[in-house]
Amino acid sequence: MANIEFTNDPEIEMGKAPLDESVAAEGELREWLVDYVGSKHEPADGQVTVDMVVQTLGEEFPEFLIAVAEENWIRGYQQAINDVEVGEKLINDEFRKREAAEADESNEQTEGN
């Protein structure tokens, strides 16, 4: 499985989500899709956005969107499980480190007496 890097993107948090981005008609399929979605939505500025594409696919090809959403959900769930496992490992490592430090301190006090 590919590693997925998650970031905190301030543009998404501030409302400038990728859904608002214009779609460039690069390549035959994209050109067709942008033209098709543009004819369906007829945007005033002529710019087709990712959101328009998603809306159109949701209306006309919901099975595709469901498959993508399910895959996204599964990956998110796997990432959450991984995050929990990493968190548990970090907590356990810190706990062992503190136990070792306390044992060393206890040994030093015993030897000092």
N, C-alpha and C. Protein backbone atom coordinates (compact mmCIF):
# COMPACT_ATOMS: atom_id res chain seq x y z
N MET A 1 0.84 -1.17 0.00
CA MET A 1 0.00 0.00 0.00
C MET A 1 0.89 1.24 0.00
N ALA A 2 0.48 2.25 -0.72
CA ALA A 2 1.25 3.48 -0.79
C ALA A 2 1.13 4.26 0.51
N ASN A 3 2.21 4.94 0.86
CA ASN A 3 2.16 5.80 2.04
C ASN A 3 1.43 7.08 1.67
N ILE A 4 0.55 7.50 2.55
CA ILE A 4 -0.22 8.71 2.33
C ILE A 4 0.21 9.73 3.36
N GLU A 5 0.53 10.92 2.89
CA GLU A 5 0.95 11.98 3.80
C GLU A 5 -0.21 12.95 3.99
N PHE A 6 -0.59 13.17 5.23
CA PHE A 6 -1.66 14.10 5.55
C PHE A 6 -1.05 15.39 6.04
N THR A 7 -1.59 16.49 5.57
CA THR A 7 -1.09 17.79 6.00
C THR A 7 -2.26 18.65 6.45
N ASN A 8 -1.95 19.65 7.22
CA ASN A 8 -2.95 20.65 7.60
C ASN A 8 -2.85 21.76 6.57
N ASP A 9 -3.81 21.81 5.68
CA ASP A 9 -3.80 22.80 4.60
C ASP A 9 -4.67 23.98 4.99
N PRO A 10 -4.06 25.14 5.26
CA PRO A 10 -4.84 26.30 5.69
C PRO A 10 -5.86 26.74 4.64
N GLU A 11 -5.59 26.49 3.34
CA GLU A 11 -6.55 26.88 2.32
C GLU A 11 -7.85 26.10 2.47
N ILE A 12 -7.75 24.82 2.83
CA ILE A 12 -8.95 24.01 3.02
C ILE A 12 -9.68 24.50 4.25
N GLU A 13 -8.93 24.78 5.32
CA GLU A 13 -9.55 25.25 6.56
C GLU A 13 -10.21 26.61 6.38
N MET A 14 -9.69 27.44 5.50
CA MET A 14 -10.22 28.78 5.30
C MET A 14 -11.29 28.80 4.20
N GLY A 15 -11.67 27.65 3.69
CA GLY A 15 -12.74 27.60 2.71
C GLY A 15 -12.29 27.53 1.28
N LYS A 16 -11.00 27.64 1.00
CA LYS A 16 -10.49 27.54 -0.36
C LYS A 16 -10.14 26.07 -0.61
N ALA A 17 -11.17 25.27 -0.76
CA ALA A 17 -10.99 23.84 -0.92
C ALA A 17 -10.69 23.50 -2.38
N PRO A 18 -10.11 22.33 -2.60
CA PRO A 18 -9.84 21.91 -3.98
C PRO A 18 -11.11 21.85 -4.83
N LEU A 19 -12.27 21.73 -4.20
CA LEU A 19 -13.52 21.70 -4.96
C LEU A 19 -13.77 23.01 -5.69
N ASP A 20 -13.18 24.11 -5.20
CA ASP A 20 -13.38 25.42 -5.81
C ASP A 20 -12.42 25.70 -6.96
N GLU A 21 -11.45 24.82 -7.14
CA GLU A 21 -10.43 25.05 -8.17
C GLU A 21 -11.00 24.78 -9.56
N SER A 22 -10.53 25.58 -10.52
CA SER A 22 -10.92 25.37 -11.91
C SER A 22 -10.20 24.13 -12.43
N VAL A 23 -10.84 23.46 -13.37
CA VAL A 23 -10.27 22.26 -13.97
C VAL A 23 -9.74 22.62 -15.35
N ALA A 24 -8.48 22.32 -15.58
CA ALA A 24 -7.89 22.56 -16.90
C ALA A 24 -8.19 21.37 -17.80
N ALA A 25 -8.50 21.67 -19.04
CA ALA A 25 -8.81 20.62 -20.01
C ALA A 25 -7.52 20.12 -20.64
N GLU A 26 -6.77 19.31 -19.88
CA GLU A 26 -5.50 18.76 -20.35
C GLU A 26 -5.70 17.29 -20.67
N GLY A 27 -5.59 16.94 -21.90
CA GLY A 27 -5.79 15.55 -22.30
C GLY A 27 -7.19 15.35 -22.84
N GLU A 28 -7.36 14.30 -23.61
CA GLU A 28 -8.62 14.05 -24.31
C GLU A 28 -9.80 13.82 -23.36
N LEU A 29 -9.60 12.99 -22.34
CA LEU A 29 -10.69 12.70 -21.40
C LEU A 29 -11.07 13.94 -20.60
N ARG A 30 -10.08 14.65 -20.10
CA ARG A 30 -10.36 15.87 -19.33
C ARG A 30 -11.06 16.91 -20.19
N GLU A 31 -10.61 17.05 -21.41
CA GLU A 31 -11.23 18.02 -22.30
C GLU A 31 -12.71 17.68 -22.51
N TRP A 32 -12.97 16.41 -22.76
CA TRP A 32 -14.36 15.98 -22.94
C TRP A 32 -15.18 16.24 -21.67
N LEU A 33 -14.61 15.86 -20.51
CA LEU A 33 -15.32 16.00 -19.25
C LEU A 33 -15.58 17.47 -18.92
N VAL A 34 -14.59 18.31 -19.09
CA VAL A 34 -14.76 19.74 -18.82
C VAL A 34 -15.83 20.33 -19.74
N ASP A 35 -15.79 19.96 -21.02
CA ASP A 35 -16.80 20.45 -21.95
C ASP A 35 -18.19 19.97 -21.55
N TYR A 36 -18.29 18.69 -21.19
CA TYR A 36 -19.57 18.11 -20.82
C TYR A 36 -20.13 18.79 -19.57
N VAL A 37 -19.29 18.89 -18.54
CA VAL A 37 -19.74 19.51 -17.29
C VAL A 37 -20.06 20.98 -17.51
N GLY A 38 -19.27 21.65 -18.31
CA GLY A 38 -19.53 23.06 -18.61
C GLY A 38 -20.86 23.25 -19.30
N SER A 39 -21.21 22.33 -20.21
CA SER A 39 -22.50 22.45 -20.90
C SER A 39 -23.66 22.17 -19.95
N LYS A 40 -23.44 21.33 -18.94
CA LYS A 40 -24.49 21.03 -17.96
C LYS A 40 -24.71 22.18 -16.98
N HIS A 41 -23.61 22.78 -16.51
CA HIS A 41 -23.70 23.81 -15.46
C HIS A 41 -23.74 25.23 -16.01
N GLU A 42 -23.20 25.41 -17.21
CA GLU A 42 -23.13 26.73 -17.84
C GLU A 42 -22.67 27.82 -16.86
N PRO A 43 -21.44 27.70 -16.33
CA PRO A 43 -20.96 28.70 -15.38
C PRO A 43 -20.82 30.08 -16.04
N ALA A 44 -21.16 31.11 -15.28
CA ALA A 44 -21.15 32.48 -15.81
C ALA A 44 -19.75 32.89 -16.28
N ASP A 45 -18.73 32.46 -15.52
CA ASP A 45 -17.37 32.84 -15.88
C ASP A 45 -16.72 31.84 -16.83
N GLY A 46 -17.44 30.80 -17.21
CA GLY A 46 -16.91 29.81 -18.14
C GLY A 46 -15.95 28.81 -17.51
N GLN A 47 -15.70 28.94 -16.21
CA GLN A 47 -14.75 28.07 -15.52
C GLN A 47 -15.49 26.89 -14.90
N VAL A 48 -15.05 25.70 -15.23
CA VAL A 48 -15.60 24.48 -14.63
C VAL A 48 -14.76 24.15 -13.41
N THR A 49 -15.41 23.94 -12.27
CA THR A 49 -14.69 23.63 -11.04
C THR A 49 -14.78 22.14 -10.73
N VAL A 50 -13.92 21.70 -9.83
CA VAL A 50 -13.94 20.31 -9.38
C VAL A 50 -15.30 19.99 -8.78
N ASP A 51 -15.87 20.93 -8.04
CA ASP A 51 -17.18 20.72 -7.44
C ASP A 51 -18.24 20.43 -8.51
N MET A 52 -18.20 21.14 -9.61
CA MET A 52 -19.15 20.91 -10.69
C MET A 52 -19.00 19.50 -11.27
N VAL A 53 -17.74 19.07 -11.40
CA VAL A 53 -17.48 17.72 -11.91
C VAL A 53 -18.04 16.69 -10.95
N VAL A 54 -17.79 16.89 -9.65
CA VAL A 54 -18.29 15.95 -8.63
C VAL A 54 -19.82 15.92 -8.65
N GLN A 55 -20.45 17.07 -8.73
CA GLN A 55 -21.91 17.12 -8.77
C GLN A 55 -22.45 16.37 -9.98
N THR A 56 -21.83 16.59 -11.12
CA THR A 56 -22.28 15.94 -12.34
C THR A 56 -22.09 14.42 -12.25
N LEU A 57 -20.94 14.00 -11.76
CA LEU A 57 -20.71 12.56 -11.62
C LEU A 57 -21.68 11.95 -10.61
N GLY A 58 -21.99 12.69 -9.54
CA GLY A 58 -22.94 12.21 -8.55
C GLY A 58 -24.33 12.02 -9.13
N GLU A 59 -24.70 12.89 -10.03
CA GLU A 59 -26.01 12.79 -10.66
C GLU A 59 -26.06 11.70 -11.74
N GLU A 60 -24.99 11.61 -12.51
CA GLU A 60 -25.03 10.76 -13.69
C GLU A 60 -24.25 9.45 -13.57
N PHE A 61 -23.35 9.37 -12.60
CA PHE A 61 -22.54 8.15 -12.44
C PHE A 61 -22.26 7.94 -10.95
N PRO A 62 -23.31 7.79 -10.14
CA PRO A 62 -23.13 7.69 -8.69
C PRO A 62 -22.31 6.47 -8.27
N GLU A 63 -22.35 5.40 -9.04
CA GLU A 63 -21.57 4.20 -8.69
C GLU A 63 -20.08 4.51 -8.64
N PHE A 64 -19.63 5.36 -9.55
CA PHE A 64 -18.22 5.76 -9.56
C PHE A 64 -17.87 6.54 -8.30
N LEU A 65 -18.71 7.51 -7.97
CA LEU A 65 -18.45 8.32 -6.78
C LEU A 65 -18.51 7.49 -5.51
N ILE A 66 -19.43 6.54 -5.45
CA ILE A 66 -19.53 5.67 -4.29
C ILE A 66 -18.27 4.83 -4.14
N ALA A 67 -17.75 4.31 -5.25
CA ALA A 67 -16.53 3.52 -5.19
C ALA A 67 -15.35 4.36 -4.68
N VAL A 68 -15.23 5.59 -5.14
CA VAL A 68 -14.16 6.48 -4.68
C VAL A 68 -14.35 6.81 -3.21
N ALA A 69 -15.59 7.10 -2.81
CA ALA A 69 -15.86 7.43 -1.41
C ALA A 69 -15.56 6.25 -0.49
N GLU A 70 -15.94 5.06 -0.91
CA GLU A 70 -15.66 3.87 -0.09
C GLU A 70 -14.16 3.66 0.06
N GLU A 71 -13.43 3.80 -1.01
CA GLU A 71 -11.97 3.64 -0.95
C GLU A 71 -11.36 4.70 -0.04
N ASN A 72 -11.85 5.92 -0.14
CA ASN A 72 -11.37 7.01 0.72
C ASN A 72 -11.67 6.70 2.18
N TRP A 73 -12.87 6.20 2.46
CA TRP A 73 -13.25 5.86 3.84
C TRP A 73 -12.34 4.75 4.38
N ILE A 74 -12.12 3.73 3.57
CA ILE A 74 -11.27 2.62 4.01
C ILE A 74 -9.86 3.11 4.30
N ARG A 75 -9.31 3.94 3.42
CA ARG A 75 -7.96 4.47 3.65
C ARG A 75 -7.92 5.34 4.91
N GLY A 76 -8.95 6.12 5.13
CA GLY A 76 -9.02 6.95 6.33
C GLY A 76 -9.09 6.10 7.58
N TYR A 77 -9.87 5.04 7.53
CA TYR A 77 -9.99 4.13 8.66
C TYR A 77 -8.65 3.45 8.92
N GLN A 78 -7.97 3.00 7.86
CA GLN A 78 -6.66 2.38 8.02
C GLN A 78 -5.66 3.37 8.61
N GLN A 79 -5.73 4.62 8.17
CA GLN A 79 -4.82 5.63 8.71
C GLN A 79 -5.09 5.86 10.18
N ALA A 80 -6.36 5.87 10.58
CA ALA A 80 -6.72 6.05 11.99
C ALA A 80 -6.17 4.91 12.84
N ILE A 81 -6.31 3.69 12.35
CA ILE A 81 -5.77 2.53 13.08
C ILE A 81 -4.26 2.64 13.19
N ASN A 82 -3.61 3.03 12.11
CA ASN A 82 -2.16 3.21 12.13
C ASN A 82 -1.76 4.30 13.14
N ASP A 83 -2.50 5.40 13.15
CA ASP A 83 -2.21 6.49 14.09
C ASP A 83 -2.32 6.01 15.54
N VAL A 84 -3.33 5.21 15.83
CA VAL A 84 -3.51 4.67 17.18
C VAL A 84 -2.34 3.76 17.53
N GLU A 85 -1.93 2.89 16.61
CA GLU A 85 -0.82 1.99 16.87
C GLU A 85 0.48 2.76 17.13
N VAL A 86 0.72 3.78 16.33
CA VAL A 86 1.93 4.60 16.51
C VAL A 86 1.85 5.33 17.85
N GLY A 87 0.68 5.87 18.17
CA GLY A 87 0.50 6.56 19.45
C GLY A 87 0.74 5.63 20.63
N GLU A 88 0.20 4.42 20.55
CA GLU A 88 0.42 3.44 21.63
C GLU A 88 1.89 3.11 21.77
N LYS A 89 2.58 2.96 20.64
CA LYS A 89 4.02 2.65 20.69
C LYS A 89 4.77 3.79 21.34
N LEU A 90 4.45 5.03 20.98
CA LEU A 90 5.13 6.17 21.57
C LEU A 90 4.88 6.25 23.08
N ILE A 91 3.65 6.02 23.49
CA ILE A 91 3.31 6.04 24.91
C ILE A 91 4.07 4.94 25.65
N ASN A 92 4.06 3.73 25.09
CA ASN A 92 4.76 2.61 25.73
C ASN A 92 6.26 2.85 25.80
N ASP A 93 6.83 3.40 24.73
CA ASP A 93 8.27 3.72 24.75
C ASP A 93 8.59 4.74 25.83
N GLU A 94 7.74 5.77 25.93
CA GLU A 94 7.96 6.80 26.96
C GLU A 94 7.81 6.20 28.35
N PHE A 95 6.83 5.33 28.53
CA PHE A 95 6.61 4.68 29.81
C PHE A 95 7.84 3.85 30.21
N ARG A 96 8.36 3.04 29.25
CA ARG A 96 9.55 2.23 29.53
C ARG A 96 10.76 3.10 29.85
N LYS A 97 10.87 4.21 29.13
CA LYS A 97 11.99 5.14 29.35
C LYS A 97 11.92 5.72 30.77
N ARG A 98 10.74 6.11 31.19
CA ARG A 98 10.57 6.66 32.53
C ARG A 98 10.81 5.60 33.60
N GLU A 99 10.32 4.38 33.35
CA GLU A 99 10.56 3.30 34.31
C GLU A 99 12.05 3.03 34.46
N ALA A 100 12.77 3.03 33.34
CA ALA A 100 14.21 2.79 33.38
C ALA A 100 14.91 3.92 34.14
N ALA A 101 14.49 5.15 33.91
CA ALA A 101 15.10 6.29 34.60
C ALA A 101 14.83 6.21 36.10
N GLU A 102 13.62 5.82 36.47
CA GLU A 102 13.29 5.67 37.89
C GLU A 102 14.08 4.53 38.52
N ALA A 103 14.25 3.44 37.77
CA ALA A 103 15.03 2.31 38.28
C ALA A 103 16.49 2.72 38.47
N ASP A 104 17.03 3.46 37.52
CA ASP A 104 18.41 3.94 37.63
C ASP A 104 18.57 4.85 38.83
N GLU A 105 17.61 5.74 39.01
CA GLU A 105 17.64 6.67 40.14
C GLU A 105 17.54 5.90 41.46
N SER A 106 16.69 4.91 41.50
CA SER A 106 16.54 4.08 42.70
C SER A 106 17.84 3.33 43.00
N ASN A 107 18.47 2.79 41.97
CA ASN A 107 19.74 2.07 42.13
C ASN A 107 20.84 2.99 42.65
N GLU A 108 20.86 4.22 42.13
CA GLU A 108 21.88 5.18 42.56
C GLU A 108 21.69 5.53 44.04
N GLN A 109 20.43 5.68 44.46
CA GLN A 109 20.15 5.99 45.85
C GLN A 109 20.53 4.81 46.75
N THR A 110 20.28 3.58 46.29
CA THR A 110 20.62 2.40 47.07
C THR A 110 22.13 2.26 47.19
N GLU A 111 22.84 2.51 46.11
CA GLU A 111 24.30 2.39 46.13
C GLU A 111 24.92 3.51 46.96
N GLY A 112 24.27 4.65 46.99
CA GLY A 112 24.79 5.80 47.75
C GLY A 112 24.65 5.62 49.24
N ASN A 113 23.79 4.74 49.68
CA ASN A 113 23.60 4.52 51.14
C ASN A 113 24.52 3.53 51.67
